[in-house]
Amino acid sequence: MGYTLNFSAVWRNFDHLLEGLALSLVLAVASILAGCAVGLVTAFMLQSKNRAISGVARIYVTAIRNTPILVLILFTYFALPQLGLRLGKIESFILTLTVYAGAYLAEIFRSGLVSMPKGLREAGLAIGLTEFQTRTSIIIPIMIRNVLPSLGSTLISLFKDTSLAAAIAVPELTFYARKINNETFRVVETWVVASCLYVATCTVLAALLRVVERRLKIVR
């Protein structure tokens, strides 16, 4: 076909790709941390005996899990300002990814809560802890350890989802890759390098998460 590979244009702009990669990681980590808080609260709401509370949580989880994330991103950035809530590009994307992650993490945490031995709560109350103290000091730490593999998978998934931030011009990895592609017309080289950066980062994240899992694993 006559296409000759030439990576020189990509290497000249490699620092921009690394800047975008760094922002992608920040977006993913910020979203997973905030999403964990949302997911924990939602998980306890799902377990509530109050039908109104559990119903609200189920509606949130169902609505978010059944809406494409790109639609959520565009709605948050373009539609919310029409309703009086104007956010910057990065803040808007983090909010969207937090809400999105929270819905998925809620189900992960709920399954973790369901699998917890019922005697843990009674044991905490028996030694004088309040309901809140029992949850924060006993139930949540053990539950987090049990669901660490799922949390790790969610973090990696969120990192890959940051590529969608390019839709609202957030300068992450995919945004810079597309910019280099448009300016240099080196289509194959640009996306090969970008793909390799995504694969390498996900591989490193997975390895680090496995180390954390081994260190925090509960010996039965």
Protein backbone atom coordinates (compact mmCIF):
# COMPACT_ATOMS: atom_id res chain seq x y z
CA MET A 1 0.00 0.00 0.00
CA GLY A 2 3.04 2.25 0.12
CA TYR A 3 2.69 3.32 3.77
CA THR A 4 6.07 3.72 5.49
CA LEU A 5 6.29 3.75 9.26
CA ASN A 6 7.92 6.84 10.71
CA PHE A 7 7.70 7.32 14.47
CA SER A 8 9.83 10.49 14.61
CA ALA A 9 6.80 12.80 14.70
CA VAL A 10 5.32 10.82 17.58
CA TRP A 11 8.59 10.82 19.57
CA ARG A 12 8.84 14.59 19.17
CA ASN A 13 5.48 14.88 20.93
CA PHE A 14 5.99 12.02 23.37
CA ASP A 15 6.13 14.42 26.34
CA HIS A 16 2.54 15.46 25.57
CA LEU A 17 1.44 11.83 25.56
CA LEU A 18 3.07 11.35 28.98
CA GLU A 19 1.30 14.47 30.27
CA GLY A 20 -1.98 13.06 29.04
CA LEU A 21 -1.20 9.68 30.61
CA ALA A 22 -0.51 11.36 33.97
CA LEU A 23 -3.84 13.18 33.82
CA SER A 24 -5.62 9.94 32.89
CA LEU A 25 -4.21 8.30 36.03
CA VAL A 26 -5.24 11.27 38.18
CA LEU A 27 -8.77 11.14 36.77
CA ALA A 28 -9.04 7.40 37.40
CA VAL A 29 -7.66 7.51 40.96
CA ALA A 30 -9.76 10.54 41.95
CA SER A 31 -12.88 8.90 40.54
CA ILE A 32 -12.28 5.52 42.22
CA LEU A 33 -11.70 7.18 45.61
CA ALA A 34 -14.82 9.32 45.36
CA GLY A 35 -16.71 6.40 43.80
CA CYS A 36 -15.82 4.18 46.77
CA ALA A 37 -17.44 6.68 49.13
CA VAL A 38 -20.56 6.85 46.95
CA GLY A 39 -20.60 3.09 46.51
CA LEU A 40 -20.27 2.37 50.24
CA VAL A 41 -23.14 4.66 51.15
CA THR A 42 -25.27 3.23 48.35
CA ALA A 43 -24.44 -0.36 49.37
CA PHE A 44 -25.67 0.27 52.92
CA MET A 45 -28.76 1.97 51.49
CA LEU A 46 -29.43 -1.12 49.37
CA GLN A 47 -29.24 -3.23 52.53
CA SER A 48 -31.56 -0.91 54.45
CA LYS A 49 -34.83 -2.31 55.73
CA ASN A 50 -36.45 1.03 54.90
CA ARG A 51 -38.07 0.53 51.51
CA ALA A 52 -37.84 4.20 50.57
CA ILE A 53 -34.09 4.31 51.20
CA SER A 54 -33.37 1.01 49.43
CA GLY A 55 -35.70 2.02 46.59
CA VAL A 56 -33.81 5.28 45.96
CA ALA A 57 -30.52 3.35 45.91
CA ARG A 58 -31.89 0.77 43.47
CA ILE A 59 -33.17 3.47 41.12
CA TYR A 60 -29.75 5.18 41.14
CA VAL A 61 -27.85 1.94 40.49
CA THR A 62 -30.25 0.76 37.78
CA ALA A 63 -30.37 4.12 35.99
CA ILE A 64 -26.60 4.65 35.91
CA ARG A 65 -25.69 1.06 35.03
CA ASN A 66 -28.09 1.11 32.09
CA THR A 67 -26.94 4.45 30.66
CA PRO A 68 -23.88 4.59 28.36
CA ILE A 69 -21.04 6.43 30.06
CA LEU A 70 -20.53 8.68 27.03
CA VAL A 71 -24.13 9.87 27.36
CA LEU A 72 -23.50 10.65 31.04
CA ILE A 73 -20.34 12.59 30.17
CA LEU A 74 -22.11 14.70 27.55
CA PHE A 75 -25.13 15.26 29.80
CA THR A 76 -22.99 16.44 32.72
CA TYR A 77 -20.88 18.79 30.62
CA PHE A 78 -23.48 20.20 28.22
CA ALA A 79 -26.86 19.76 29.93
CA LEU A 80 -26.14 20.60 33.58
CA PRO A 81 -25.07 24.19 32.74
CA GLN A 82 -28.55 24.68 31.26
CA LEU A 83 -29.91 23.70 34.69
CA GLY A 84 -27.66 26.16 36.50
CA LEU A 85 -24.72 23.90 37.43
CA ARG A 86 -21.63 24.86 35.45
CA LEU A 87 -18.44 22.84 35.95
CA GLY A 88 -15.04 22.83 34.32
CA LYS A 89 -14.10 20.05 31.91
CA ILE A 90 -12.00 18.11 34.38
CA GLU A 91 -14.39 18.58 37.31
CA SER A 92 -17.32 17.60 35.10
CA PHE A 93 -15.59 14.41 33.98
CA ILE A 94 -14.55 13.41 37.50
CA LEU A 95 -18.12 13.94 38.70
CA THR A 96 -19.46 11.75 35.90
CA LEU A 97 -16.92 9.00 36.45
CA THR A 98 -17.56 9.13 40.22
CA VAL A 99 -21.30 8.68 39.77
CA TYR A 100 -20.70 5.94 37.21
CA ALA A 101 -18.17 4.11 39.38
CA GLY A 102 -20.35 4.51 42.47
CA ALA A 103 -23.18 2.56 40.86
CA TYR A 104 -20.94 -0.39 39.98
CA LEU A 105 -19.04 -0.30 43.27
CA ALA A 106 -22.33 -0.28 45.17
CA GLU A 107 -23.11 -3.76 43.84
CA ILE A 108 -19.57 -4.93 44.58
CA PHE A 109 -19.79 -3.65 48.15
CA ARG A 110 -23.31 -5.00 48.58
CA SER A 111 -22.15 -8.49 47.61
CA GLY A 112 -19.27 -8.08 50.07
CA LEU A 113 -21.69 -7.08 52.85
CA VAL A 114 -23.98 -10.01 52.09
CA SER A 115 -21.07 -12.45 52.40
CA MET A 116 -19.98 -11.09 55.79
CA PRO A 117 -20.59 -13.39 58.80
CA LYS A 118 -23.59 -12.10 60.74
CA GLY A 119 -21.73 -12.64 64.01
CA LEU A 120 -19.35 -9.73 63.30
CA ARG A 121 -22.02 -7.11 63.91
CA GLU A 122 -23.21 -8.79 67.09
CA ALA A 123 -19.60 -9.12 68.29
CA GLY A 124 -19.00 -5.41 67.76
CA LEU A 125 -22.15 -4.42 69.60
CA ALA A 126 -21.31 -6.87 72.39
CA ILE A 127 -17.99 -5.15 73.14
CA GLY A 128 -19.69 -1.76 73.42
CA LEU A 129 -19.27 -0.35 69.90
CA THR A 130 -22.06 1.66 68.35
CA GLU A 131 -23.63 0.60 65.06
CA PHE A 132 -21.55 3.22 63.23
CA GLN A 133 -18.33 2.17 64.97
CA THR A 134 -19.03 -1.49 64.21
CA ARG A 135 -19.41 -0.71 60.52
CA THR A 136 -16.35 1.54 60.23
CA SER A 137 -14.01 -0.44 62.49
CA ILE A 138 -14.97 -4.04 61.74
CA ILE A 139 -17.33 -4.60 58.83
CA ILE A 140 -15.99 -2.18 56.21
CA PRO A 141 -12.24 -3.01 56.61
CA ILE A 142 -12.90 -6.76 56.31
CA MET A 143 -15.34 -6.28 53.45
CA ILE A 144 -12.86 -4.09 51.54
CA ARG A 145 -10.24 -6.84 51.77
CA ASN A 146 -12.72 -9.39 50.46
CA VAL A 147 -13.63 -7.32 47.40
CA LEU A 148 -10.12 -6.04 46.55
CA PRO A 149 -9.90 -8.06 43.29
CA SER A 150 -13.14 -6.48 42.06
CA LEU A 151 -11.97 -3.04 43.17
CA GLY A 152 -8.76 -3.51 41.20
CA SER A 153 -10.65 -4.50 38.07
CA THR A 154 -12.87 -1.43 38.46
CA LEU A 155 -9.84 0.87 38.77
CA ILE A 156 -8.32 -0.51 35.57
CA SER A 157 -11.67 -0.21 33.80
CA LEU A 158 -12.02 3.41 34.94
CA PHE A 159 -8.51 4.18 33.72
CA LYS A 160 -9.46 2.94 30.26
CA ASP A 161 -12.74 4.88 30.43
CA THR A 162 -10.77 8.12 30.86
CA SER A 163 -10.18 7.95 27.11
CA LEU A 164 -13.77 9.14 26.71
CA ALA A 165 -12.81 12.46 28.32
CA ALA A 166 -11.46 13.44 24.91
CA ALA A 167 -15.10 13.90 23.88
CA ILE A 168 -15.20 17.10 25.96
CA ALA A 169 -11.57 18.10 25.20
CA VAL A 170 -10.03 17.05 28.51
CA PRO A 171 -6.29 16.87 27.70
CA GLU A 172 -5.70 13.24 28.63
CA LEU A 173 -3.85 10.56 26.66
CA THR A 174 -6.41 9.96 23.90
CA PHE A 175 -6.90 13.73 23.43
CA TYR A 176 -3.18 14.26 22.81
CA ALA A 177 -2.96 11.17 20.60
CA ARG A 178 -5.78 12.49 18.43
CA LYS A 179 -4.13 15.93 18.34
CA ILE A 180 -0.79 14.45 17.21
CA ASN A 181 -2.61 12.31 14.66
CA ASN A 182 -4.39 15.35 13.19
CA GLU A 183 -1.22 17.45 13.06
CA THR A 184 1.21 14.86 11.69
CA PHE A 185 -1.08 12.45 9.80
CA ARG A 186 0.94 9.55 11.27
CA VAL A 187 -2.18 7.50 12.01
CA VAL A 188 -0.68 4.05 12.61
CA GLU A 189 2.32 5.24 14.61
CA THR A 190 0.30 7.55 16.86
CA TRP A 191 -2.30 4.98 17.85
CA VAL A 192 0.23 2.17 18.20
CA VAL A 193 2.19 4.24 20.72
CA ALA A 194 -0.97 5.36 22.53
CA SER A 195 -2.21 1.76 22.71
CA CYS A 196 1.14 0.59 24.07
CA LEU A 197 0.98 3.25 26.79
CA TYR A 198 -2.49 2.08 27.81
CA VAL A 199 -1.45 -1.58 27.83
CA ALA A 200 1.77 -0.90 29.76
CA THR A 201 -0.03 1.21 32.36
CA CYS A 202 -2.80 -1.33 32.85
CA THR A 203 -0.19 -4.08 33.23
CA VAL A 204 1.68 -2.11 35.90
CA LEU A 205 -1.56 -1.27 37.72
CA ALA A 206 -2.61 -4.93 37.70
CA ALA A 207 0.79 -5.98 39.10
CA LEU A 208 0.64 -3.37 41.85
CA LEU A 209 -2.89 -4.38 42.76
CA ARG A 210 -1.86 -8.03 43.02
CA VAL A 211 0.86 -7.02 45.47
CA VAL A 212 -1.67 -5.09 47.56
CA GLU A 213 -4.08 -8.04 47.47
CA ARG A 214 -1.39 -10.42 48.73
CA ARG A 215 -0.42 -8.08 51.55
CA LEU A 216 -4.00 -7.52 52.69
CA LYS A 217 -5.28 -11.03 52.07
CA ILE A 218 -7.22 -12.49 54.97
CA VAL A 219 -5.77 -15.84 55.98
CA ARG A 220 -8.60 -18.24 56.73
